[in-house]
Amino acid sequence: MNTLIAHDLHVRLGDKPVLQGIDLTLAPGQVTVIIGPNGAGKSTLLTRLTGLAAADRGEVRLGDQPVRAMPARLRGQRIGYLPQTPEVVWPVTVRALVGLGRTPFIGGRGPDATDLEAVARAMQATETEVLESRIVETLSGGERARVLLARAIAGEPEWLLADEPMAGLDPSHQLDAALLFQRLAHVDGRGVVVTLHDLHIAARVADRIVVMAEGRILHDGPPAAALSPDVLRAAYGVRARLWPGEKGPLIEILDRDA
């Protein structure tokens, strides 16, 4: 597995700077969580890490290869991406949608046994087998979120990048997703990068937390340090208190910072 490296990333949307000189080295075998307030640049950073969009300045490399220079099919095999608001605009069954995660491997041929087995593993991991014959449009928000996660991991990518993948999931399936991300990283050795708003889930799932605000990285480190009262005050403008928890720090938001 290769390191994913962002160097000096700058992005402007209109006249607004969204990323301002991001340097980030991401190691496989870890779950990295990116947090920060609305408008911090988290989603913009994630799309640049995937190579789906170009930065105005700077570069992202996977190992020694510039991500944007990789053929789209190869990039799709190595980097899986789950956007924050994925669209499904046609009536398709759950199994067919999850199968689309194998598209970079299938090309013009039909799916073979390897593809079918990968789809089955992805559906089992996300507990979506019971939904396989359902039309995606008939699913609840949480069911759809799990199906789209299954599609993202069906390609068994070297790197999985997911933007708010816990949104819409109930607590039980949030825990399942957290354990899945940890298994992909710690057991399979893959790189997992997710953006989250829920600080408690971030503390539960992350090996490393990157805190962003105003297009910059404020802090990068283990959960207890990244979620310290000083860092949360700087990022979110709130006063907070941390308590030791069995699976990571527990955060109590007291009020806005005066």
Protein backbone atom coordinates (compact mmCIF):
# COMPACT_ATOMS: atom_id res chain seq x y z
CA MET A 1 0.00 0.00 0.00
CA ASN A 2 1.24 3.48 -0.88
CA THR A 3 1.27 6.73 1.04
CA LEU A 4 -1.15 9.46 -0.11
CA ILE A 5 0.56 12.85 -0.03
CA ALA A 6 -0.87 16.33 -0.54
CA HIS A 7 1.65 19.11 -1.03
CA ASP A 8 0.90 22.84 -0.90
CA LEU A 9 -2.72 22.54 -2.03
CA HIS A 10 -4.47 25.80 -2.82
CA VAL A 11 -8.05 26.07 -4.07
CA ARG A 12 -10.21 29.12 -4.66
CA LEU A 13 -13.92 28.98 -5.39
CA GLY A 14 -14.81 32.31 -6.98
CA ASP A 15 -12.98 34.93 -4.93
CA LYS A 16 -12.92 32.81 -1.76
CA PRO A 17 -9.83 30.82 -0.73
CA VAL A 18 -11.05 27.37 0.31
CA LEU A 19 -7.73 25.53 0.75
CA GLN A 20 -4.67 27.52 1.75
CA GLY A 21 -1.40 25.62 1.52
CA ILE A 22 -2.43 22.15 2.72
CA ASP A 23 0.42 19.73 3.37
CA LEU A 24 -0.68 16.28 4.47
CA THR A 25 0.92 12.84 4.42
CA LEU A 26 -1.56 10.00 4.93
CA ALA A 27 -0.37 6.53 5.81
CA PRO A 28 -2.12 3.25 4.96
CA GLY A 29 -3.18 1.09 7.86
CA GLN A 30 -4.78 4.04 9.68
CA VAL A 31 -8.19 5.66 9.96
CA THR A 32 -7.70 9.39 9.50
CA VAL A 33 -10.68 11.58 10.38
CA ILE A 34 -10.93 15.16 9.13
CA ILE A 35 -13.07 17.46 11.26
CA GLY A 36 -13.80 21.18 11.30
CA PRO A 37 -16.66 23.67 11.14
CA ASN A 38 -18.87 24.20 8.10
CA GLY A 39 -16.88 25.80 5.32
CA ALA A 40 -13.52 24.64 6.68
CA GLY A 41 -12.60 23.00 3.35
CA LYS A 42 -13.01 19.35 4.35
CA SER A 43 -15.02 18.23 1.31
CA THR A 44 -12.85 20.27 -1.05
CA LEU A 45 -9.75 18.61 0.35
CA LEU A 46 -11.29 15.15 -0.04
CA THR A 47 -12.18 15.68 -3.71
CA ARG A 48 -8.63 16.87 -4.42
CA LEU A 49 -7.18 13.82 -2.68
CA THR A 50 -9.26 11.60 -4.99
CA GLY A 51 -7.97 13.32 -8.10
CA LEU A 52 -11.51 14.00 -9.30
CA ALA A 53 -10.88 17.75 -9.22
CA ALA A 54 -7.70 19.76 -9.66
CA ALA A 55 -6.18 22.15 -7.16
CA ASP A 56 -5.28 25.64 -8.32
CA ARG A 57 -1.80 25.01 -6.99
CA GLY A 58 -0.04 22.04 -5.44
CA GLU A 59 -0.16 18.31 -6.06
CA VAL A 60 -1.48 15.02 -4.67
CA ARG A 61 0.61 11.89 -5.14
CA LEU A 62 -0.13 8.24 -4.47
CA GLY A 63 3.27 6.75 -3.86
CA ASP A 64 5.40 8.27 -6.61
CA GLN A 65 2.50 8.90 -9.02
CA PRO A 66 0.62 12.20 -9.36
CA VAL A 67 -3.02 11.24 -8.80
CA ARG A 68 -4.37 13.58 -11.47
CA ALA A 69 -2.04 12.03 -14.07
CA MET A 70 -3.27 8.49 -13.43
CA PRO A 71 -5.70 7.00 -16.00
CA ALA A 72 -9.24 7.30 -14.63
CA ARG A 73 -9.75 3.54 -14.58
CA LEU A 74 -6.56 2.91 -12.59
CA ARG A 75 -7.38 5.76 -10.23
CA GLY A 76 -10.82 4.23 -9.68
CA GLN A 77 -9.26 0.88 -8.83
CA ARG A 78 -6.90 2.34 -6.26
CA ILE A 79 -8.99 5.12 -4.69
CA GLY A 80 -12.60 4.58 -3.66
CA TYR A 81 -14.71 7.68 -3.00
CA LEU A 82 -18.04 8.15 -1.27
CA PRO A 83 -19.30 11.74 -1.72
CA GLN A 84 -21.40 13.49 0.88
CA THR A 85 -24.56 13.66 -1.25
CA PRO A 86 -24.32 10.89 -3.87
CA GLU A 87 -27.16 10.82 -6.37
CA VAL A 88 -29.00 7.80 -7.72
CA VAL A 89 -31.14 9.06 -10.57
CA TRP A 90 -32.48 5.87 -12.10
CA PRO A 91 -34.47 2.91 -10.73
CA VAL A 92 -31.89 0.24 -10.00
CA THR A 93 -31.73 -2.62 -7.53
CA VAL A 94 -29.42 -2.52 -4.55
CA ARG A 95 -27.29 -5.37 -5.87
CA ALA A 96 -26.90 -3.65 -9.25
CA LEU A 97 -25.89 -0.39 -7.58
CA VAL A 98 -23.31 -2.07 -5.34
CA GLY A 99 -22.02 -3.87 -8.44
CA LEU A 100 -21.17 -0.50 -9.98
CA GLY A 101 -18.32 -0.34 -7.50
CA ARG A 102 -16.58 -2.94 -9.67
CA THR A 103 -16.80 -0.82 -12.84
CA PRO A 104 -13.08 0.17 -12.89
CA PHE A 105 -12.18 -3.53 -12.98
CA ILE A 106 -14.87 -4.80 -15.33
CA GLY A 107 -14.43 -2.35 -18.19
CA GLY A 108 -16.25 -3.68 -21.24
CA ARG A 109 -16.60 -7.27 -20.03
CA GLY A 110 -19.27 -8.73 -17.81
CA PRO A 111 -18.71 -9.35 -14.10
CA ASP A 112 -16.83 -12.54 -13.31
CA ALA A 113 -16.67 -14.64 -10.15
CA THR A 114 -14.12 -12.28 -8.56
CA ASP A 115 -16.45 -9.33 -9.06
CA LEU A 116 -19.48 -11.17 -7.71
CA GLU A 117 -17.55 -12.29 -4.63
CA ALA A 118 -16.34 -8.74 -3.95
CA VAL A 119 -19.91 -7.43 -4.21
CA ALA A 120 -21.12 -10.14 -1.84
CA ARG A 121 -18.39 -9.26 0.68
CA ALA A 122 -19.25 -5.58 0.52
CA MET A 123 -22.95 -6.25 1.08
CA GLN A 124 -22.22 -8.59 3.96
CA ALA A 125 -19.92 -6.02 5.57
CA THR A 126 -22.63 -3.36 5.41
CA GLU A 127 -25.57 -5.68 6.23
CA THR A 128 -27.30 -4.87 2.97
CA GLU A 129 -27.83 -8.42 1.67
CA VAL A 130 -31.47 -8.34 2.79
CA LEU A 131 -31.98 -5.27 0.60
CA GLU A 132 -30.44 -6.71 -2.57
CA SER A 133 -33.68 -6.89 -4.60
CA ARG A 134 -35.04 -3.54 -3.43
CA ILE A 135 -35.13 -0.56 -5.77
CA VAL A 136 -32.75 2.03 -4.34
CA GLU A 137 -35.36 4.79 -4.60
CA THR A 138 -37.54 2.94 -2.07
CA LEU A 139 -34.88 2.84 0.65
CA SER A 140 -34.75 4.99 3.76
CA GLY A 141 -31.94 7.49 4.10
CA GLY A 142 -29.98 5.22 6.42
CA GLU A 143 -30.46 2.17 4.19
CA ARG A 144 -29.30 4.13 1.18
CA ALA A 145 -26.22 5.35 3.07
CA ARG A 146 -25.24 1.76 3.83
CA VAL A 147 -25.78 0.68 0.22
CA LEU A 148 -23.64 3.53 -1.10
CA LEU A 149 -20.91 2.60 1.36
CA ALA A 150 -21.13 -0.96 0.05
CA ARG A 151 -20.66 0.34 -3.49
CA ALA A 152 -17.57 2.30 -2.40
CA ILE A 153 -15.90 -0.72 -0.80
CA ALA A 154 -16.95 -3.25 -3.46
CA GLY A 155 -13.96 -2.17 -5.52
CA GLU A 156 -11.71 -3.11 -2.59
CA PRO A 157 -9.63 0.04 -3.17
CA GLU A 158 -6.22 0.68 -1.71
CA TRP A 159 -7.62 3.92 -0.29
CA LEU A 160 -11.19 4.68 0.81
CA LEU A 161 -12.17 8.35 1.08
CA ALA A 162 -15.64 9.02 2.47
CA ASP A 163 -17.36 12.36 3.04
CA GLU A 164 -19.72 12.24 6.06
CA PRO A 165 -20.41 8.48 5.67
CA MET A 166 -22.15 8.28 9.08
CA ALA A 167 -24.83 10.85 8.23
CA GLY A 168 -28.28 9.28 8.41
CA LEU A 169 -27.14 6.11 10.17
CA ASP A 170 -28.67 5.03 13.47
CA PRO A 171 -26.30 4.42 16.42
CA SER A 172 -26.05 0.68 15.75
CA HIS A 173 -25.05 1.15 12.12
CA GLN A 174 -22.74 4.03 13.02
CA LEU A 175 -20.88 1.58 15.23
CA ASP A 176 -20.88 -1.02 12.46
CA ALA A 177 -19.42 1.52 10.03
CA ALA A 178 -16.77 2.57 12.55
CA LEU A 179 -15.72 -1.04 13.06
CA LEU A 180 -15.69 -1.60 9.29
CA PHE A 181 -13.38 1.37 8.74
CA GLN A 182 -11.07 0.12 11.47
CA ARG A 183 -11.04 -3.38 9.99
CA LEU A 184 -10.24 -2.07 6.51
CA ALA A 185 -7.31 -0.12 7.95
CA HIS A 186 -5.98 -2.29 10.76
CA VAL A 187 -6.61 -5.75 9.29
CA ASP A 188 -6.52 -5.19 5.52
CA GLY A 189 -3.87 -2.46 5.68
CA ARG A 190 -5.85 0.00 3.56
CA GLY A 191 -5.88 3.75 3.97
CA VAL A 192 -9.16 5.18 5.24
CA VAL A 193 -9.92 8.91 5.30
CA VAL A 194 -13.33 10.17 6.42
CA THR A 195 -14.80 13.57 7.20
CA LEU A 196 -17.11 13.75 10.20
CA HIS A 197 -19.06 16.33 12.17
CA ASP A 198 -19.78 14.13 15.18
CA LEU A 199 -16.81 14.55 17.50
CA HIS A 200 -17.66 11.50 19.59
CA ILE A 201 -17.67 9.24 16.53
CA ALA A 202 -14.41 10.84 15.42
CA ALA A 203 -12.88 10.01 18.81
CA ARG A 204 -14.22 6.45 18.57
CA VAL A 205 -13.02 5.57 15.07
CA ALA A 206 -9.88 7.63 14.45
CA ASP A 207 -6.25 6.73 14.81
CA ARG A 208 -5.49 10.29 13.77
CA ILE A 209 -7.58 13.45 13.56
CA VAL A 210 -6.87 16.37 11.24
CA VAL A 211 -8.61 19.56 12.41
CA MET A 212 -9.35 22.17 9.75
CA ALA A 213 -10.62 25.73 9.83
CA GLU A 214 -10.72 28.39 7.12
CA GLY A 215 -8.94 26.17 4.63
CA ARG A 216 -5.97 25.42 6.85
CA ILE A 217 -4.89 22.59 9.14
CA LEU A 218 -5.02 23.73 12.77
CA HIS A 219 -3.96 20.46 14.35
CA ASP A 220 -2.98 16.96 13.27
CA GLY A 221 -2.56 14.21 15.84
CA PRO A 222 -4.13 11.52 18.00
CA PRO A 223 -7.75 12.01 19.14
CA ALA A 224 -7.05 13.11 22.72
CA ALA A 225 -4.76 15.91 21.52
CA ALA A 226 -6.82 16.91 18.46
CA LEU A 227 -9.99 17.19 20.57
CA SER A 228 -8.43 19.17 23.39
CA PRO A 229 -10.32 22.21 24.67
CA ASP A 230 -7.73 24.58 23.17
CA VAL A 231 -8.01 23.03 19.69
CA LEU A 232 -11.82 22.93 19.79
CA ARG A 233 -11.90 26.57 20.88
CA ALA A 234 -9.63 27.57 17.99
CA ALA A 235 -11.55 25.53 15.40
CA TYR A 236 -15.17 25.92 16.50
CA GLY A 237 -15.20 28.89 18.86
CA VAL A 238 -16.63 26.85 21.73
CA ARG A 239 -15.60 26.01 25.27
CA ALA A 240 -15.39 22.26 25.81
CA ARG A 241 -14.38 19.75 28.45
CA LEU A 242 -12.99 16.27 27.86
CA TRP A 243 -13.61 13.17 29.90
CA PRO A 244 -11.72 9.89 29.60
CA GLY A 245 -13.78 7.19 27.88
CA GLU A 246 -13.25 3.50 27.33
CA LYS A 247 -13.06 3.91 23.53
CA GLY A 248 -11.72 7.44 23.33
CA PRO A 249 -12.29 10.87 24.87
CA LEU A 250 -15.82 12.07 25.62
CA ILE A 251 -16.49 15.71 24.73
CA GLU A 252 -18.83 18.03 26.58
CA ILE A 253 -19.56 21.29 24.74
CA LEU A 254 -20.19 23.91 27.41
CA ASP A 255 -20.98 27.07 25.46
CA ARG A 256 -19.64 29.47 22.87
CA ASP A 257 -16.28 30.97 23.59
CA ALA A 258 -16.76 34.50 24.81
